[in-house]
N, C-alpha and C. Protein backbone atom coordinates (compact mmCIF):
# COMPACT_ATOMS: atom_id res chain seq x y z
N MET A 1 -2.09 -132.95 29.60
CA MET A 1 -2.40 -134.02 28.70
C MET A 1 -1.72 -133.33 27.46
N GLY A 2 -2.36 -132.31 27.51
CA GLY A 2 -1.45 -131.54 25.74
C GLY A 2 -2.53 -132.01 24.84
N VAL A 3 -2.16 -131.45 23.35
CA VAL A 3 -3.34 -131.49 22.34
C VAL A 3 -2.49 -132.29 21.41
N ASN A 4 -3.32 -132.82 20.22
CA ASN A 4 -2.46 -133.33 19.07
C ASN A 4 -2.29 -132.38 18.40
N VAL A 5 -1.02 -132.50 17.12
CA VAL A 5 -0.70 -130.72 16.16
C VAL A 5 -0.64 -131.85 15.15
N SER A 6 -1.33 -131.53 13.95
CA SER A 6 -0.94 -131.74 12.42
C SER A 6 -0.41 -130.33 11.21
N VAL A 7 0.33 -131.22 10.79
CA VAL A 7 0.71 -129.86 9.88
C VAL A 7 0.74 -130.42 8.55
N TYR A 8 -0.02 -130.08 7.27
CA TYR A 8 -0.22 -130.70 6.51
C TYR A 8 0.42 -129.62 5.19
N ARG A 9 0.92 -130.14 4.00
CA ARG A 9 1.33 -129.21 2.94
C ARG A 9 0.43 -129.25 1.94
N ILE A 10 0.20 -128.44 1.06
CA ILE A 10 -0.54 -128.63 -0.17
C ILE A 10 -0.41 -127.60 -1.00
N LYS A 11 0.39 -128.66 -2.79
CA LYS A 11 0.86 -127.26 -3.34
C LYS A 11 0.09 -126.08 -3.73
N ASP A 12 -1.66 -126.72 -4.02
CA ASP A 12 -2.25 -125.87 -4.32
C ASP A 12 -3.98 -125.79 -3.87
N LEU A 13 -4.41 -124.34 -3.28
CA LEU A 13 -5.72 -124.72 -2.44
C LEU A 13 -6.83 -123.93 -2.88
N SER A 14 -6.72 -123.82 -4.30
CA SER A 14 -7.75 -122.37 -4.89
C SER A 14 -9.02 -123.27 -5.09
N ASN A 15 -9.29 -124.62 -5.62
CA ASN A 15 -10.11 -125.58 -5.57
C ASN A 15 -11.29 -125.26 -3.93
N GLN A 16 -12.62 -124.20 -4.32
CA GLN A 16 -13.65 -124.13 -3.51
C GLN A 16 -14.00 -125.25 -2.62
N ALA A 17 -14.09 -126.17 -3.66
CA ALA A 17 -14.50 -127.62 -3.07
C ALA A 17 -13.73 -128.08 -1.76
N LYS A 18 -12.39 -128.47 -2.37
CA LYS A 18 -11.20 -128.48 -1.43
C LYS A 18 -11.73 -128.01 -0.18
N LYS A 19 -11.19 -126.56 -0.31
CA LYS A 19 -11.54 -125.67 1.17
C LYS A 19 -12.57 -126.07 1.71
N PHE A 20 -13.83 -126.04 0.79
CA PHE A 20 -15.13 -126.68 1.90
C PHE A 20 -14.89 -127.72 2.39
N LYS A 21 -14.33 -128.96 2.22
CA LYS A 21 -14.17 -130.09 2.83
C LYS A 21 -13.06 -129.93 4.15
N ILE A 22 -12.32 -129.01 3.68
CA ILE A 22 -11.13 -128.87 4.94
C ILE A 22 -11.44 -128.39 6.14
N GLU A 23 -12.51 -127.13 6.01
CA GLU A 23 -12.86 -126.33 6.64
C GLU A 23 -14.31 -127.19 7.24
N THR A 24 -15.17 -128.06 6.61
CA THR A 24 -16.61 -128.66 6.91
C THR A 24 -15.99 -129.71 8.35
N ASN A 25 -15.23 -130.56 7.43
CA ASN A 25 -14.60 -131.40 8.41
C ASN A 25 -14.06 -131.22 10.07
N ALA A 26 -13.08 -130.19 9.74
CA ALA A 26 -12.17 -129.62 11.14
C ALA A 26 -13.73 -129.09 11.90
N LYS A 27 -14.61 -128.44 11.57
CA LYS A 27 -15.44 -127.88 12.00
C LYS A 27 -16.76 -129.41 12.93
N GLN A 28 -16.94 -130.29 11.72
CA GLN A 28 -17.55 -131.41 12.45
C GLN A 28 -16.78 -132.55 13.46
N LEU A 29 -15.18 -132.23 13.44
CA LEU A 29 -14.29 -132.68 14.53
C LEU A 29 -14.03 -132.11 15.56
N PHE A 30 -14.78 -131.03 15.68
CA PHE A 30 -14.40 -130.31 16.84
C PHE A 30 -12.61 -129.97 16.71
N MET A 31 -12.19 -130.04 15.96
CA MET A 31 -11.19 -129.50 15.58
C MET A 31 -10.35 -127.96 15.68
N THR A 32 -9.53 -127.30 16.01
CA THR A 32 -8.95 -125.85 15.99
C THR A 32 -7.73 -125.96 15.35
N GLY A 33 -7.20 -124.75 14.27
CA GLY A 33 -6.69 -124.68 13.58
C GLY A 33 -6.39 -123.82 12.52
N ILE A 34 -5.51 -123.46 11.79
CA ILE A 34 -5.54 -122.20 10.64
C ILE A 34 -4.75 -123.32 8.93
N VAL A 35 -5.52 -122.26 8.08
CA VAL A 35 -5.11 -122.76 7.04
C VAL A 35 -4.33 -121.57 6.46
N ILE A 36 -3.31 -121.58 6.07
CA ILE A 36 -2.50 -120.75 5.30
C ILE A 36 -2.22 -120.83 3.91
N ILE A 37 -2.55 -119.60 2.93
CA ILE A 37 -2.63 -119.88 2.12
C ILE A 37 -1.69 -119.18 0.87
N PHE A 38 -0.48 -119.38 0.16
CA PHE A 38 0.19 -118.63 -0.53
C PHE A 38 0.00 -119.54 -2.04
N ARG A 39 0.70 -118.78 -2.93
CA ARG A 39 1.00 -119.01 -4.39
C ARG A 39 1.23 -120.30 -4.22
N ASP A 40 2.38 -120.85 -3.98
CA ASP A 40 3.30 -122.13 -4.27
C ASP A 40 2.96 -122.99 -3.00
N CYS A 41 2.55 -122.70 -1.54
CA CYS A 41 2.45 -123.21 -0.85
C CYS A 41 1.37 -123.19 0.28
N CYS A 42 0.57 -124.02 0.46
CA CYS A 42 -0.49 -124.05 1.51
C CYS A 42 -0.16 -124.93 2.61
N VAL A 43 -0.62 -124.27 4.04
CA VAL A 43 -0.65 -124.73 4.58
C VAL A 43 -1.57 -125.06 5.54
N VAL A 44 -1.62 -126.54 6.35
CA VAL A 44 -3.07 -126.37 6.86
C VAL A 44 -2.11 -126.84 8.27
N VAL A 45 -2.81 -126.28 9.90
CA VAL A 45 -2.54 -127.09 10.67
C VAL A 45 -3.73 -126.83 11.41
N VAL A 46 -3.59 -128.22 11.85
CA VAL A 46 -5.01 -128.59 12.75
C VAL A 46 -4.55 -129.29 14.47
N GLU A 47 -5.41 -129.07 15.20
CA GLU A 47 -5.44 -129.71 16.58
C GLU A 47 -6.56 -130.18 16.86
N GLY A 48 -6.02 -131.22 17.50
CA GLY A 48 -7.27 -132.29 18.27
C GLY A 48 -7.02 -132.98 18.96
N GLY A 49 -7.63 -134.29 19.17
CA GLY A 49 -7.56 -135.07 20.41
C GLY A 49 -6.73 -136.31 18.93
N PRO A 50 -6.54 -137.67 19.63
CA PRO A 50 -5.79 -138.40 18.89
C PRO A 50 -7.01 -139.11 18.13
N LYS A 51 -8.13 -139.60 18.25
CA LYS A 51 -9.24 -140.29 17.08
C LYS A 51 -9.83 -138.77 15.85
N GLN A 52 -9.80 -138.11 16.18
CA GLN A 52 -9.94 -136.92 15.75
C GLN A 52 -8.97 -136.39 14.63
N GLN A 53 -7.19 -136.79 15.03
CA GLN A 53 -6.35 -136.57 14.12
C GLN A 53 -6.35 -137.54 13.18
N LYS A 54 -7.09 -138.94 13.64
CA LYS A 54 -6.46 -140.59 13.25
C LYS A 54 -7.63 -139.88 11.72
N LYS A 55 -9.21 -139.17 11.92
CA LYS A 55 -9.97 -139.35 10.69
C LYS A 55 -9.63 -138.09 9.99
N TYR A 56 -8.96 -137.07 10.60
CA TYR A 56 -8.83 -136.07 9.34
C TYR A 56 -7.61 -136.02 8.72
N ARG A 57 -6.62 -137.13 9.31
CA ARG A 57 -5.30 -137.50 8.13
C ARG A 57 -5.81 -138.20 7.20
N ARG A 58 -7.06 -139.12 6.91
CA ARG A 58 -7.72 -140.23 6.27
C ARG A 58 -8.43 -139.33 5.44
N LEU A 59 -9.07 -138.12 5.89
CA LEU A 59 -9.35 -137.35 5.21
C LEU A 59 -8.39 -136.38 4.06
N MET A 60 -7.54 -135.99 4.22
CA MET A 60 -6.33 -134.93 3.87
C MET A 60 -5.50 -136.51 2.72
N MET A 61 -5.19 -137.46 3.67
CA MET A 61 -4.27 -138.29 2.52
C MET A 61 -4.99 -139.25 1.66
N HIS A 62 -6.18 -139.53 1.78
CA HIS A 62 -7.00 -140.66 1.02
C HIS A 62 -8.48 -140.03 0.67
N ARG A 63 -9.31 -139.31 1.17
CA ARG A 63 -10.50 -139.40 0.70
C ARG A 63 -10.57 -137.67 -0.36
N ILE A 64 -9.59 -137.16 -0.01
CA ILE A 64 -9.92 -135.68 -0.99
C ILE A 64 -8.34 -136.43 -1.67
N LYS A 65 -9.56 -136.05 -3.50
CA LYS A 65 -8.42 -136.46 -4.61
C LYS A 65 -8.00 -135.39 -5.54
N TRP A 66 -6.48 -134.95 -4.54
CA TRP A 66 -5.92 -133.83 -4.70
C TRP A 66 -4.90 -134.01 -6.11
N GLU A 67 -4.88 -135.11 -6.77
CA GLU A 67 -4.54 -135.59 -8.16
C GLU A 67 -5.43 -134.85 -9.36
N GLU A 68 -6.23 -134.64 -8.75
CA GLU A 68 -7.55 -133.81 -10.19
C GLU A 68 -7.34 -132.87 -10.07
N ASP A 69 -6.47 -132.24 -9.70
CA ASP A 69 -6.07 -130.85 -9.85
C ASP A 69 -4.66 -130.33 -10.51
N ILE A 70 -4.84 -130.25 -11.52
CA ILE A 70 -3.40 -129.34 -12.47
C ILE A 70 -3.09 -127.87 -11.86
N VAL A 71 -1.81 -128.07 -11.07
CA VAL A 71 -1.29 -126.92 -10.66
C VAL A 71 0.01 -126.30 -11.27
N ARG A 72 0.18 -125.06 -11.79
CA ARG A 72 1.29 -124.66 -12.41
C ARG A 72 2.04 -123.79 -11.40
N THR A 73 3.43 -124.27 -11.52
CA THR A 73 4.19 -124.01 -10.63
C THR A 73 4.82 -122.78 -11.71
N TYR A 74 4.99 -121.21 -10.48
CA TYR A 74 5.92 -120.42 -11.19
C TYR A 74 7.48 -120.54 -11.08
N ASP A 75 8.43 -120.27 -11.78
CA ASP A 75 9.23 -119.68 -11.92
C ASP A 75 10.36 -118.55 -12.81
N ASP A 76 10.68 -118.01 -12.47
CA ASP A 76 11.56 -116.95 -13.19
C ASP A 76 12.35 -117.64 -13.96
N THR A 77 13.25 -118.49 -13.81
CA THR A 77 14.27 -118.87 -15.02
C THR A 77 13.56 -119.77 -15.72
N VAL A 78 12.70 -120.82 -15.54
CA VAL A 78 12.10 -121.78 -16.81
C VAL A 78 10.54 -120.94 -16.70
N ASP A 79 10.12 -121.87 -17.94
CA ASP A 79 8.67 -121.60 -18.43
C ASP A 79 8.22 -122.42 -17.06
N ASN A 80 6.88 -121.94 -17.13
CA ASN A 80 5.91 -122.19 -15.99
C ASN A 80 5.65 -123.74 -16.46
N LYS A 81 5.41 -124.76 -15.60
CA LYS A 81 5.57 -126.10 -15.43
C LYS A 81 4.02 -126.54 -15.13
N GLU A 82 3.24 -127.58 -15.37
CA GLU A 82 2.05 -128.08 -15.16
C GLU A 82 1.97 -129.61 -13.98
N GLU A 83 1.95 -129.72 -12.94
CA GLU A 83 2.26 -130.89 -12.40
C GLU A 83 0.80 -131.12 -11.49
N ALA A 84 0.49 -131.82 -11.46
CA ALA A 84 -0.36 -132.87 -10.25
C ALA A 84 -0.76 -132.39 -8.76
N ASN A 85 -1.63 -131.79 -8.10
CA ASN A 85 -1.79 -131.50 -6.93
C ASN A 85 -1.21 -132.58 -5.89
N SER A 86 -0.92 -132.15 -4.53
CA SER A 86 -0.66 -132.93 -3.88
C SER A 86 -0.72 -132.57 -2.16
N CYS A 87 -0.64 -133.71 -1.46
CA CYS A 87 -0.75 -133.15 0.17
C CYS A 87 0.17 -134.21 0.63
N LYS A 88 0.99 -133.36 1.72
CA LYS A 88 2.00 -133.93 2.15
C LYS A 88 1.68 -134.20 3.77
N LEU A 89 1.91 -135.00 4.75
CA LEU A 89 1.64 -134.91 6.07
C LEU A 89 3.40 -134.25 6.49
N VAL A 90 3.55 -133.07 7.12
CA VAL A 90 4.88 -132.96 7.59
C VAL A 90 5.34 -132.90 8.96
N TRP A 91 4.59 -132.65 9.36
CA TRP A 91 4.80 -132.99 11.06
C TRP A 91 3.87 -133.91 11.92
N GLU A 92 4.04 -134.21 12.70
CA GLU A 92 2.82 -134.28 14.11
C GLU A 92 3.60 -134.62 15.20
N GLY A 93 2.96 -134.29 16.12
CA GLY A 93 3.36 -134.04 17.61
C GLY A 93 2.16 -133.71 18.41
N LYS A 94 2.60 -133.53 19.53
CA LYS A 94 2.08 -133.00 20.79
C LYS A 94 2.52 -131.62 20.97
N ALA A 95 1.37 -130.59 21.51
CA ALA A 95 1.06 -129.38 22.38
C ALA A 95 0.61 -129.24 23.63
N PRO A 96 1.55 -128.40 24.41
CA PRO A 96 1.11 -128.48 25.85
C PRO A 96 -0.22 -128.12 25.96
N LYS A 97 -0.98 -126.99 25.16
CA LYS A 97 -2.22 -126.44 25.22
C LYS A 97 -2.57 -126.11 23.36
N ARG A 98 -3.83 -125.50 23.41
CA ARG A 98 -4.41 -125.33 22.15
C ARG A 98 -3.69 -123.50 21.76
N SER A 99 -3.64 -123.42 20.54
CA SER A 99 -2.59 -122.10 20.13
C SER A 99 -3.49 -121.46 19.08
N PHE A 100 -4.45 -122.12 18.71
CA PHE A 100 -5.63 -121.48 17.53
C PHE A 100 -6.98 -121.78 18.12
N GLY A 101 -7.90 -120.73 17.41
CA GLY A 101 -9.24 -120.86 18.08
C GLY A 101 -9.86 -121.59 16.87
N GLU A 102 -11.41 -121.53 16.33
CA GLU A 102 -11.93 -121.86 15.18
C GLU A 102 -10.71 -121.71 13.86
N ILE A 103 -11.53 -122.58 12.85
CA ILE A 103 -10.63 -123.22 12.31
C ILE A 103 -10.56 -122.04 11.20
N LYS A 104 -9.43 -121.11 10.68
CA LYS A 104 -9.90 -119.89 9.63
C LYS A 104 -8.50 -119.82 8.64
N PHE A 105 -9.05 -119.36 7.73
CA PHE A 105 -8.25 -119.26 6.22
C PHE A 105 -7.57 -117.56 6.49
N ARG A 106 -6.15 -117.79 5.82
CA ARG A 106 -5.72 -116.64 5.75
C ARG A 106 -4.84 -116.85 4.38
N GLN A 107 -5.18 -115.71 3.47
CA GLN A 107 -4.10 -115.34 2.23
C GLN A 107 -3.29 -114.53 2.31
N PHE A 108 -2.01 -114.47 2.19
CA PHE A 108 -0.98 -113.84 1.96
C PHE A 108 -0.09 -113.71 0.45
N PRO A 109 -0.48 -112.68 -0.23
CA PRO A 109 -0.10 -112.50 -0.96
C PRO A 109 1.15 -112.33 -1.53
N MET A 110 2.18 -111.75 -0.75
CA MET A 110 3.81 -111.72 -0.73
C MET A 110 4.16 -112.72 0.63
N GLU A 111 5.66 -112.79 0.14
CA GLU A 111 6.13 -113.44 1.25
C GLU A 111 6.24 -113.25 2.69
N LYS A 112 6.31 -111.54 2.48
CA LYS A 112 6.83 -111.13 3.88
C LYS A 112 6.01 -111.75 5.33
């Protein structure tokens, strides 16, 4: 039957309270996945059933107030800019089987 997969992109995930909400809700909904943390772009990949995905989508898009955080964008050519944090649903689809175990956070300091 497969499993539903969603991919979210967040500008900045340095706020510990928001990390806790992402992890706790995924565990409570029995979802699997990974959170990749990079300085300018964080990616959240979650796997679960259709009802779980619906509840998690509501959390990510509406219940968490991303706009409260101000993000500094680092650019070599222009001075640092400050803008509001945001979360976007990048992709949603089905996979034949689960690829991840319990939700984990991975931090990558370099692009490689």
